[in-house]
Structure formats: C-alpha cells, structure tokens
Amino acid sequence: MVQQDATLGVIQHELTLEEQPGPRGRTASIVNRIHAAKNIDELFLELKEDLRRLFDVEQLTLYAVDREKRELYSKLLLDPIDGVQEIRVPINEHSISG
C-alpha cells in the first residue's frame, strides 16, 4: 500500500511481512513456502537449508509422522549419485526422538 504524506510530500511504501528485513521477513517467506509445498519431500529437501539459516544452527533435521507405521521419518539428499536417504525412528518409549 502506498501512502502520501501531504505535509512532507513523501511517498511511503508499507512493506509486507515477507519484504521486511531480518528474521521476521525470512520467517514469513518460509511459512508461505511451507503452505505452498506440493508434498512433504519438497519441505524436507528444499526448505531445510533456509530453516537452518533462520535458526542459525549447523545441523537441522525435519521429521514427519507416519501414523500407519507409528514412525517418525526424515529424508536427506546425500548427493546426486546416491540420491535421497530416508531415516525412520519408531514412535515409542525406546527412542529419544520417538
């Protein structure tokens, strides 16, 4: 939205949340990309690096729940030759993450 201040003759542009610099704008951008993702693989493989930078961490693992198998699972891209690897952890009292 553009507003004009009549006394100063200055045009101000209100930034959308995504346009705002810093963590708030990056967060809004990532949330929008999460909602636009076509499948869970897109989240695992394409958003992981952006989330890692947002939280300023060296490593990040995203998990999803497979309710049928009662497991948490994650996917990671090893390299173009080996492709995608899936990690599965049972949801029970024997695993920390599960």
PDB file of N, CA and C in Angstrom:
ATOM      1  N   MET A   1       0.846  -1.168   0.000  1.00  0.00           N
ATOM      2  CA  MET A   1       0.000   0.000   0.000  1.00  0.00           C
ATOM      3  C   MET A   1       0.893   1.232   0.000  1.00  0.00           C
ATOM      4  N   VAL A   2       0.569   2.220  -0.803  1.00  0.00           N
ATOM      5  CA  VAL A   2       1.344   3.454  -0.889  1.00  0.00           C
ATOM      6  C   VAL A   2       0.538   4.573  -0.271  1.00  0.00           C
ATOM      7  N   GLN A   3       1.178   5.333   0.614  1.00  0.00           N
ATOM      8  CA  GLN A   3       0.529   6.472   1.251  1.00  0.00           C
ATOM      9  C   GLN A   3       1.347   7.721   0.961  1.00  0.00           C
ATOM     10  N   GLN A   4       0.676   8.852   0.820  1.00  0.00           N
ATOM     11  CA  GLN A   4       1.390  10.091   0.619  1.00  0.00           C
ATOM     12  C   GLN A   4       1.120  10.997   1.806  1.00  0.00           C
ATOM     13  N   ASP A   5       2.191  11.509   2.382  1.00  0.00           N
ATOM     14  CA  ASP A   5       2.089  12.447   3.489  1.00  0.00           C
ATOM     15  C   ASP A   5       2.007  13.844   2.889  1.00  0.00           C
ATOM     16  N   ALA A   6       0.849  14.496   2.998  1.00  0.00           N
ATOM     17  CA  ALA A   6       0.607  15.783   2.348  1.00  0.00           C
ATOM     18  C   ALA A   6       1.529  16.880   2.862  1.00  0.00           C
ATOM     19  N   THR A   7       1.873  16.846   4.149  1.00  0.00           N
ATOM     20  CA  THR A   7       2.696  17.925   4.702  1.00  0.00           C
ATOM     21  C   THR A   7       4.144  17.842   4.242  1.00  0.00           C
ATOM     22  N   LEU A   8       4.653  16.626   4.038  1.00  0.00           N
ATOM     23  CA  LEU A   8       6.047  16.472   3.634  1.00  0.00           C
ATOM     24  C   LEU A   8       6.196  16.147   2.155  1.00  0.00           C
ATOM     25  N   GLY A   9       5.122  15.724   1.524  1.00  0.00           N
ATOM     26  CA  GLY A   9       5.200  15.330   0.125  1.00  0.00           C
ATOM     27  C   GLY A   9       6.045  14.083  -0.079  1.00  0.00           C
ATOM     28  N   VAL A  10       6.116  13.208   0.941  1.00  0.00           N
ATOM     29  CA  VAL A  10       6.918  11.996   0.889  1.00  0.00           C
ATOM     30  C   VAL A  10       5.999  10.813   0.642  1.00  0.00           C
ATOM     31  N   ILE A  11       6.417   9.953  -0.252  1.00  0.00           N
ATOM     32  CA  ILE A  11       5.651   8.731  -0.506  1.00  0.00           C
ATOM     33  C   ILE A  11       6.286   7.611   0.299  1.00  0.00           C
ATOM     34  N   GLN A  12       5.462   6.924   1.090  1.00  0.00           N
ATOM     35  CA  GLN A  12       5.933   5.820   1.912  1.00  0.00           C
ATOM     36  C   GLN A  12       5.344   4.524   1.386  1.00  0.00           C
ATOM     37  N   HIS A  13       6.154   3.516   1.381  1.00  0.00           N
ATOM     38  CA  HIS A  13       5.699   2.192   0.954  1.00  0.00           C
ATOM     39  C   HIS A  13       5.700   1.298   2.180  1.00  0.00           C
ATOM     40  N   GLU A  14       4.530   0.744   2.522  1.00  0.00           N
ATOM     41  CA  GLU A  14       4.454  -0.175   3.650  1.00  0.00           C
ATOM     42  C   GLU A  14       4.906  -1.549   3.176  1.00  0.00           C
ATOM     43  N   LEU A  15       5.911  -2.096   3.839  1.00  0.00           N
ATOM     44  CA  LEU A  15       6.441  -3.397   3.465  1.00  0.00           C
ATOM     45  C   LEU A  15       5.513  -4.509   3.923  1.00  0.00           C
ATOM     46  N   THR A  16       5.331  -5.479   3.065  1.00  0.00           N
ATOM     47  CA  THR A  16       4.620  -6.668   3.507  1.00  0.00           C
ATOM     48  C   THR A  16       5.552  -7.411   4.457  1.00  0.00           C
ATOM     49  N   LEU A  17       5.017  -8.357   5.191  1.00  0.00           N
ATOM     50  CA  LEU A  17       5.824  -9.105   6.148  1.00  0.00           C
ATOM     51  C   LEU A  17       6.999  -9.786   5.462  1.00  0.00           C
ATOM     52  N   GLU A  18       6.755 -10.341   4.270  1.00  0.00           N
ATOM     53  CA  GLU A  18       7.829 -11.024   3.535  1.00  0.00           C
ATOM     54  C   GLU A  18       8.939 -10.072   3.108  1.00  0.00           C
ATOM     55  N   GLU A  19       8.605  -8.827   2.846  1.00  0.00           N
ATOM     56  CA  GLU A  19       9.591  -7.854   2.383  1.00  0.00           C
ATOM     57  C   GLU A  19      10.429  -7.279   3.522  1.00  0.00           C
ATOM     58  N   GLN A  20       9.979  -7.444   4.749  1.00  0.00           N
ATOM     59  CA  GLN A  20      10.695  -6.868   5.877  1.00  0.00           C
ATOM     60  C   GLN A  20      12.031  -7.573   6.063  1.00  0.00           C
ATOM     61  N   PRO A  21      13.076  -6.793   6.321  1.00  0.00           N
ATOM     62  CA  PRO A  21      14.381  -7.415   6.545  1.00  0.00           C
ATOM     63  C   PRO A  21      14.420  -8.154   7.878  1.00  0.00           C
ATOM     64  N   GLY A  22      15.347  -9.063   8.016  1.00  0.00           N
ATOM     65  CA  GLY A  22      15.563  -9.743   9.293  1.00  0.00           C
ATOM     66  C   GLY A  22      14.751 -11.005   9.431  1.00  0.00           C
ATOM     67  N   PRO A  23      14.801 -11.575  10.634  1.00  0.00           N
ATOM     68  CA  PRO A  23      14.166 -12.874  10.894  1.00  0.00           C
ATOM     69  C   PRO A  23      12.660 -12.885  10.632  1.00  0.00           C
ATOM     70  N   ARG A  24      11.997 -11.780  10.910  1.00  0.00           N
ATOM     71  CA  ARG A  24      10.538 -11.756  10.733  1.00  0.00           C
ATOM     72  C   ARG A  24      10.151 -11.930   9.264  1.00  0.00           C
ATOM     73  N   GLY A  25      10.854 -11.245   8.376  1.00  0.00           N
ATOM     74  CA  GLY A  25      10.586 -11.370   6.950  1.00  0.00           C
ATOM     75  C   GLY A  25      10.963 -12.746   6.423  1.00  0.00           C
ATOM     76  N   ARG A  26      12.107 -13.287   6.901  1.00  0.00           N
ATOM     77  CA  ARG A  26      12.517 -14.632   6.476  1.00  0.00           C
ATOM     78  C   ARG A  26      11.518 -15.668   6.957  1.00  0.00           C
ATOM     79  N   THR A  27      11.028 -15.501   8.175  1.00  0.00           N
ATOM     80  CA  THR A  27      10.042 -16.443   8.725  1.00  0.00           C
ATOM     81  C   THR A  27       8.771 -16.429   7.882  1.00  0.00           C
ATOM     82  N   ALA A  28       8.288 -15.256   7.540  1.00  0.00           N
ATOM     83  CA  ALA A  28       7.072 -15.146   6.728  1.00  0.00           C
ATOM     84  C   ALA A  28       7.270 -15.806   5.371  1.00  0.00           C
ATOM     85  N   SER A  29       8.423 -15.614   4.781  1.00  0.00           N
ATOM     86  CA  SER A  29       8.721 -16.220   3.484  1.00  0.00           C
ATOM     87  C   SER A  29       8.715 -17.744   3.582  1.00  0.00           C
ATOM     88  N   ILE A  30       9.338 -18.284   4.623  1.00  0.00           N
ATOM     89  CA  ILE A  30       9.389 -19.738   4.805  1.00  0.00           C
ATOM     90  C   ILE A  30       7.997 -20.300   5.081  1.00  0.00           C
ATOM     91  N   VAL A  31       7.211 -19.627   5.909  1.00  0.00           N
ATOM     92  CA  VAL A  31       5.848 -20.088   6.202  1.00  0.00           C
ATOM     93  C   VAL A  31       5.029 -20.139   4.917  1.00  0.00           C
ATOM     94  N   ASN A  32       5.164 -19.133   4.082  1.00  0.00           N
ATOM     95  CA  ASN A  32       4.430 -19.129   2.808  1.00  0.00           C
ATOM     96  C   ASN A  32       4.877 -20.284   1.915  1.00  0.00           C
ATOM     97  N   ARG A  33       6.176 -20.580   1.901  1.00  0.00           N
ATOM     98  CA  ARG A  33       6.679 -21.690   1.092  1.00  0.00           C
ATOM     99  C   ARG A  33       6.212 -23.034   1.649  1.00  0.00           C
ATOM    100  N   ILE A  34       6.094 -23.150   2.968  1.00  0.00           N
ATOM    101  CA  ILE A  34       5.575 -24.383   3.571  1.00  0.00           C
ATOM    102  C   ILE A  34       4.135 -24.611   3.119  1.00  0.00           C
ATOM    103  N   HIS A  35       3.330 -23.554   3.166  1.00  0.00           N
ATOM    104  CA  HIS A  35       1.929 -23.687   2.756  1.00  0.00           C
ATOM    105  C   HIS A  35       1.794 -23.967   1.264  1.00  0.00           C
ATOM    106  N   ALA A  36       2.753 -23.521   0.468  1.00  0.00           N
ATOM    107  CA  ALA A  36       2.691 -23.720  -0.976  1.00  0.00           C
ATOM    108  C   ALA A  36       3.298 -25.052  -1.426  1.00  0.00           C
ATOM    109  N   ALA A  37       3.974 -25.756  -0.515  1.00  0.00           N
ATOM    110  CA  ALA A  37       4.642 -27.010  -0.886  1.00  0.00           C
ATOM    111  C   ALA A  37       3.622 -28.020  -1.399  1.00  0.00           C
ATOM    112  N   LYS A  38       4.008 -28.719  -2.444  1.00  0.00           N
ATOM    113  CA  LYS A  38       3.121 -29.707  -3.054  1.00  0.00           C
ATOM    114  C   LYS A  38       3.170 -31.048  -2.341  1.00  0.00           C
ATOM    115  N   ASN A  39       4.298 -31.337  -1.672  1.00  0.00           N
ATOM    116  CA  ASN A  39       4.418 -32.599  -0.959  1.00  0.00           C
ATOM    117  C   ASN A  39       5.479 -32.480   0.138  1.00  0.00           C
ATOM    118  N   ILE A  40       5.557 -33.483   0.974  1.00  0.00           N
ATOM    119  CA  ILE A  40       6.466 -33.461   2.123  1.00  0.00           C
ATOM    120  C   ILE A  40       7.925 -33.488   1.676  1.00  0.00           C
ATOM    121  N   ASP A  41       8.212 -34.143   0.547  1.00  0.00           N
ATOM    122  CA  ASP A  41       9.585 -34.183   0.046  1.00  0.00           C
ATOM    123  C   ASP A  41      10.106 -32.788  -0.261  1.00  0.00           C
ATOM    124  N   GLU A  42       9.249 -31.945  -0.781  1.00  0.00           N
ATOM    125  CA  GLU A  42       9.648 -30.572  -1.081  1.00  0.00           C
ATOM    126  C   GLU A  42      10.077 -29.851   0.196  1.00  0.00           C
ATOM    127  N   LEU A  43       9.363 -30.107   1.282  1.00  0.00           N
ATOM    128  CA  LEU A  43       9.742 -29.492   2.561  1.00  0.00           C
ATOM    129  C   LEU A  43      11.082 -30.021   3.049  1.00  0.00           C
ATOM    130  N   PHE A  44      11.243 -31.327   3.018  1.00  0.00           N
ATOM    131  CA  PHE A  44      12.480 -31.936   3.501  1.00  0.00           C
ATOM    132  C   PHE A  44      13.691 -31.456   2.713  1.00  0.00           C
ATOM    133  N   LEU A  45      13.569 -31.425   1.402  1.00  0.00           N
ATOM    134  CA  LEU A  45      14.739 -31.221   0.563  1.00  0.00           C
ATOM    135  C   LEU A  45      14.976 -29.767   0.169  1.00  0.00           C
ATOM    136  N   GLU A  46      13.930 -28.964   0.068  1.00  0.00           N
ATOM    137  CA  GLU A  46      14.105 -27.599  -0.419  1.00  0.00           C
ATOM    138  C   GLU A  46      14.094 -26.537   0.667  1.00  0.00           C
ATOM    139  N   LEU A  47      13.439 -26.784   1.784  1.00  0.00           N
ATOM    140  CA  LEU A  47      13.344 -25.758   2.824  1.00  0.00           C
ATOM    141  C   LEU A  47      14.331 -25.949   3.969  1.00  0.00           C
ATOM    142  N   LYS A  48      14.945 -27.092   4.018  1.00  0.00           N
ATOM    143  CA  LYS A  48      15.819 -27.414   5.149  1.00  0.00           C
ATOM    144  C   LYS A  48      16.936 -26.388   5.321  1.00  0.00           C
ATOM    145  N   GLU A  49      17.589 -26.015   4.247  1.00  0.00           N
ATOM    146  CA  GLU A  49      18.703 -25.062   4.336  1.00  0.00           C
ATOM    147  C   GLU A  49      18.224 -23.682   4.787  1.00  0.00           C
ATOM    148  N   ASP A  50      17.073 -23.238   4.289  1.00  0.00           N
ATOM    149  CA  ASP A  50      16.522 -21.944   4.719  1.00  0.00           C
ATOM    150  C   ASP A  50      16.180 -21.963   6.200  1.00  0.00           C
ATOM    151  N   LEU A  51      15.614 -23.071   6.671  1.00  0.00           N
ATOM    152  CA  LEU A  51      15.291 -23.194   8.099  1.00  0.00           C
ATOM    153  C   LEU A  51      16.558 -23.241   8.951  1.00  0.00           C
ATOM    154  N   ARG A  52      17.574 -23.927   8.453  1.00  0.00           N
ATOM    155  CA  ARG A  52      18.851 -23.994   9.179  1.00  0.00           C
ATOM    156  C   ARG A  52      19.437 -22.594   9.357  1.00  0.00           C
ATOM    157  N   ARG A  53      19.387 -21.790   8.296  1.00  0.00           N
ATOM    158  CA  ARG A  53      19.902 -20.416   8.383  1.00  0.00           C
ATOM    159  C   ARG A  53      19.029 -19.553   9.291  1.00  0.00           C
ATOM    160  N   LEU A  54      17.712 -19.726   9.213  1.00  0.00           N
ATOM    161  CA  LEU A  54      16.796 -18.934  10.038  1.00  0.00           C
ATOM    162  C   LEU A  54      17.078 -19.144  11.522  1.00  0.00           C
ATOM    163  N   PHE A  55      17.290 -20.400  11.909  1.00  0.00           N
ATOM    164  CA  PHE A  55      17.540 -20.719  13.307  1.00  0.00           C
ATOM    165  C   PHE A  55      19.018 -20.634  13.677  1.00  0.00           C
ATOM    166  N   ASP A  56      19.868 -20.335  12.691  1.00  0.00           N
ATOM    167  CA  ASP A  56      21.304 -20.176  12.894  1.00  0.00           C
ATOM    168  C   ASP A  56      21.901 -21.397  13.591  1.00  0.00           C
ATOM    169  N   VAL A  57      21.662 -22.564  12.984  1.00  0.00           N
ATOM    170  CA  VAL A  57      22.197 -23.819  13.510  1.00  0.00           C
ATOM    171  C   VAL A  57      23.016 -24.505  12.419  1.00  0.00           C
ATOM    172  N   GLU A  58      23.941 -25.360  12.845  1.00  0.00           N
ATOM    173  CA  GLU A  58      24.781 -26.068  11.889  1.00  0.00           C
ATOM    174  C   GLU A  58      24.053 -27.242  11.250  1.00  0.00           C
ATOM    175  N   GLN A  59      23.255 -27.935  12.029  1.00  0.00           N
ATOM    176  CA  GLN A  59      22.516 -29.104  11.540  1.00  0.00           C
ATOM    177  C   GLN A  59      21.046 -28.963  11.906  1.00  0.00           C
ATOM    178  N   LEU A  60      20.195 -29.485  11.049  1.00  0.00           N
ATOM    179  CA  LEU A  60      18.762 -29.436  11.286  1.00  0.00           C
ATOM    180  C   LEU A  60      18.137 -30.689  10.703  1.00  0.00           C
ATOM    181  N   THR A  61      17.290 -31.327  11.468  1.00  0.00           N
ATOM    182  CA  THR A  61      16.564 -32.492  10.961  1.00  0.00           C
ATOM    183  C   THR A  61      15.075 -32.215  11.094  1.00  0.00           C
ATOM    184  N   LEU A  62      14.373 -32.324   9.984  1.00  0.00           N
ATOM    185  CA  LEU A  62      12.922 -32.198   9.983  1.00  0.00           C
ATOM    186  C   LEU A  62      12.334 -33.598   9.999  1.00  0.00           C
ATOM    187  N   TYR A  63      11.354 -33.804  10.839  1.00  0.00           N
ATOM    188  CA  TYR A  63      10.685 -35.102  10.925  1.00  0.00           C
ATOM    189  C   TYR A  63       9.218 -34.940  10.559  1.00  0.00           C
ATOM    190  N   ALA A  64       8.652 -35.981  10.008  1.00  0.00           N
ATOM    191  CA  ALA A  64       7.211 -36.074   9.782  1.00  0.00           C
ATOM    192  C   ALA A  64       6.745 -37.362  10.448  1.00  0.00           C
ATOM    193  N   VAL A  65       5.455 -37.484  10.657  1.00  0.00           N
ATOM    194  CA  VAL A  65       4.898 -38.663  11.318  1.00  0.00           C
ATOM    195  C   VAL A  65       4.220 -39.555  10.288  1.00  0.00           C
ATOM    196  N   ASP A  66       4.602 -40.819  10.296  1.00  0.00           N
ATOM    197  CA  ASP A  66       3.916 -41.848   9.523  1.00  0.00           C
ATOM    198  C   ASP A  66       3.003 -42.549  10.524  1.00  0.00           C
ATOM    199  N   ARG A  67       1.738 -42.161  10.540  1.00  0.00           N
ATOM    200  CA  ARG A  67       0.803 -42.670  11.545  1.00  0.00           C
ATOM    201  C   ARG A  67       0.543 -44.168  11.368  1.00  0.00           C
ATOM    202  N   GLU A  68       0.489 -44.632  10.131  1.00  0.00           N
ATOM    203  CA  GLU A  68       0.242 -46.056   9.880  1.00  0.00           C
ATOM    204  C   GLU A  68       1.319 -46.933  10.497  1.00  0.00           C
ATOM    205  N   LYS A  69       2.570 -46.543  10.307  1.00  0.00           N
ATOM    206  CA  LYS A  69       3.700 -47.340  10.802  1.00  0.00           C
ATOM    207  C   LYS A  69       4.151 -46.920  12.194  1.00  0.00           C
ATOM    208  N   ARG A  70       3.542 -45.883  12.743  1.00  0.00           N
ATOM    209  CA  ARG A  70       3.923 -45.326  14.048  1.00  0.00           C
ATOM    210  C   ARG A  70       5.421 -45.032  14.087  1.00  0.00           C
ATOM    211  N   GLU A  71       5.852 -44.226  13.096  1.00  0.00           N
ATOM    212  CA  GLU A  71       7.257 -43.861  12.996  1.00  0.00           C
ATOM    213  C   GLU A  71       7.402 -42.379  12.678  1.00  0.00           C
ATOM    214  N   LEU A  72       8.532 -41.816  13.149  1.00  0.00           N
ATOM    215  CA  LEU A  72       8.970 -40.514  12.678  1.00  0.00           C
ATOM    216  C   LEU A  72       9.908 -40.792  11.522  1.00  0.00           C
ATOM    217  N   TYR A  73       9.862 -39.960  10.489  1.00  0.00           N
ATOM    218  CA  TYR A  73      10.798 -40.166   9.400  1.00  0.00           C
ATOM    219  C   TYR A  73      11.312 -38.838   8.873  1.00  0.00           C
ATOM    220  N   SER A  74      12.469 -38.911   8.282  1.00  0.00           N
ATOM    221  CA  SER A  74      13.098 -37.752   7.682  1.00  0.00           C
ATOM    222  C   SER A  74      13.760 -38.191   6.391  1.00  0.00           C
ATOM    223  N   LYS A  75      14.028 -37.240   5.520  1.00  0.00           N
ATOM    224  CA  LYS A  75      14.714 -37.526   4.269  1.00  0.00           C
ATOM    225  C   LYS A  75      15.847 -36.535   4.108  1.00  0.00           C
ATOM    226  N   LEU A  76      16.950 -37.018   3.521  1.00  0.00           N
ATOM    227  CA  LEU A  76      18.048 -36.118   3.233  1.00  0.00           C
ATOM    228  C   LEU A  76      18.670 -36.487   1.909  1.00  0.00           C
ATOM    229  N   LEU A  77      19.172 -35.475   1.235  1.00  0.00           N
ATOM    230  CA  LEU A  77      19.818 -35.672  -0.050  1.00  0.00           C
ATOM    231  C   LEU A  77      21.301 -35.848   0.198  1.00  0.00           C
ATOM    232  N   LEU A  78      21.794 -37.057  -0.057  1.00  0.00           N
ATOM    233  CA  LEU A  78      23.212 -37.346   0.167  1.00  0.00           C
ATOM    234  C   LEU A  78      24.061 -36.714  -0.921  1.00  0.00           C
ATOM    235  N   ASP A  79      23.813 -37.063  -2.136  1.00  0.00           N
ATOM    236  CA  ASP A  79      24.481 -36.490  -3.299  1.00  0.00           C
ATOM    237  C   ASP A  79      23.717 -36.938  -4.540  1.00  0.00           C
ATOM    238  N   PRO A  80      24.028 -36.365  -5.699  1.00  0.00           N
ATOM    239  CA  PRO A  80      23.269 -36.721  -6.905  1.00  0.00           C
ATOM    240  C   PRO A  80      23.339 -38.207  -7.268  1.00  0.00           C
ATOM    241  N   ILE A  81      24.421 -38.885  -6.899  1.00  0.00           N
ATOM    242  CA  ILE A  81      24.564 -40.297  -7.252  1.00  0.00           C
ATOM    243  C   ILE A  81      23.755 -41.184  -6.316  1.00  0.00           C
ATOM    244  N   ASP A  82      23.935 -40.989  -4.998  1.00  0.00           N
ATOM    245  CA  ASP A  82      23.229 -41.824  -4.015  1.00  0.00           C
ATOM    246  C   ASP A  82      21.778 -41.402  -3.829  1.00  0.00           C
ATOM    247  N   GLY A  83      21.460 -40.176  -4.158  1.00  0.00           N
ATOM    248  CA  GLY A  83      20.084 -39.699  -4.077  1.00  0.00           C
ATOM    249  C   GLY A  83      19.607 -39.452  -2.654  1.00  0.00           C
ATOM    250  N   VAL A  84      18.339 -39.694  -2.450  1.00  0.00           N
ATOM    251  CA  VAL A  84      17.675 -39.392  -1.180  1.00  0.00           C
ATOM    252  C   VAL A  84      17.725 -40.589  -0.246  1.00  0.00           C
ATOM    253  N   GLN A  85      18.087 -40.327   1.000  1.00  0.00           N
ATOM    254  CA  GLN A  85      18.074 -41.374   2.025  1.00  0.00           C
ATOM    255  C   GLN A  85      16.954 -41.056   3.010  1.00  0.00           C
ATOM    256  N   GLU A  86      16.265 -42.096   3.452  1.00  0.00           N
ATOM    257  CA  GLU A  86      15.191 -41.924   4.423  1.00  0.00           C
ATOM    258  C   GLU A  86      15.643 -42.492   5.763  1.00  0.00           C
ATOM    259  N   ILE A  87      15.358 -41.762   6.817  1.00  0.00           N
ATOM    260  CA  ILE A  87      15.658 -42.194   8.183  1.00  0.00           C
ATOM    261  C   ILE A  87      14.317 -42.404   8.880  1.00  0.00           C
ATOM    262  N   ARG A  88      14.154 -43.546   9.538  1.00  0.00           N
ATOM    263  CA  ARG A  88      12.906 -43.838  10.255  1.00  0.00           C
ATOM    264  C   ARG A  88      13.219 -44.213  11.699  1.00  0.00           C
ATOM    265  N   VAL A  89      12.410 -43.688  12.601  1.00  0.00           N
ATOM    266  CA  VAL A  89      12.575 -43.946  14.032  1.00  0.00           C
ATOM    267  C   VAL A  89      11.209 -44.330  14.589  1.00  0.00           C
ATOM    268  N   PRO A  90      11.127 -45.415  15.347  1.00  0.00           N
ATOM    269  CA  PRO A  90       9.825 -45.809  15.904  1.00  0.00           C
ATOM    270  C   PRO A  90       9.335 -44.799  16.943  1.00  0.00           C
ATOM    271  N   ILE A  91       8.032 -44.616  16.957  1.00  0.00           N
ATOM    272  CA  ILE A  91       7.434 -43.778  17.999  1.00  0.00           C
ATOM    273  C   ILE A  91       7.111 -44.693  19.168  1.00  0.00           C
ATOM    274  N   ASN A  92       8.004 -44.683  20.143  1.00  0.00           N
ATOM    275  CA  ASN A  92       7.808 -45.499  21.346  1.00  0.00           C
ATOM    276  C   ASN A  92       8.732 -44.993  22.456  1.00  0.00           C
ATOM    277  N   GLU A  93       8.701 -45.672  23.576  1.00  0.00           N
ATOM    278  CA  GLU A  93       9.489 -45.250  24.735  1.00  0.00           C
ATOM    279  C   GLU A  93      10.966 -45.638  24.634  1.00  0.00           C
ATOM    280  N   HIS A  94      11.372 -46.310  23.565  1.00  0.00           N
ATOM    281  CA  HIS A  94      12.756 -46.766  23.418  1.00  0.00           C
ATOM    282  C   HIS A  94      13.633 -45.820  22.595  1.00  0.00           C
ATOM    283  N   SER A  95      13.045 -44.766  22.034  1.00  0.00           N
ATOM    284  CA  SER A  95      13.851 -43.808  21.282  1.00  0.00           C
ATOM    285  C   SER A  95      13.616 -42.401  21.817  1.00  0.00           C
ATOM    286  N   ILE A  96      14.673 -41.614  21.883  1.00  0.00           N
ATOM    287  CA  ILE A  96      14.563 -40.258  22.418  1.00  0.00           C
ATOM    288  C   ILE A  96      13.656 -39.409  21.518  1.00  0.00           C
ATOM    289  N   SER A  97      13.921 -39.401  20.227  1.00  0.00           N
ATOM    290  CA  SER A  97      13.110 -38.585  19.323  1.00  0.00           C
ATOM    291  C   SER A  97      11.711 -39.163  19.142  1.00  0.00           C
ATOM    292  N   GLY A  98      11.581 -40.467  19.246  1.00  0.00           N
ATOM    293  CA  GLY A  98      10.275 -41.104  19.065  1.00  0.00           C
ATOM    294  C   GLY A  98       9.455 -41.077  20.314  1.00  0.00           C
TER     295      GLY A  98
END
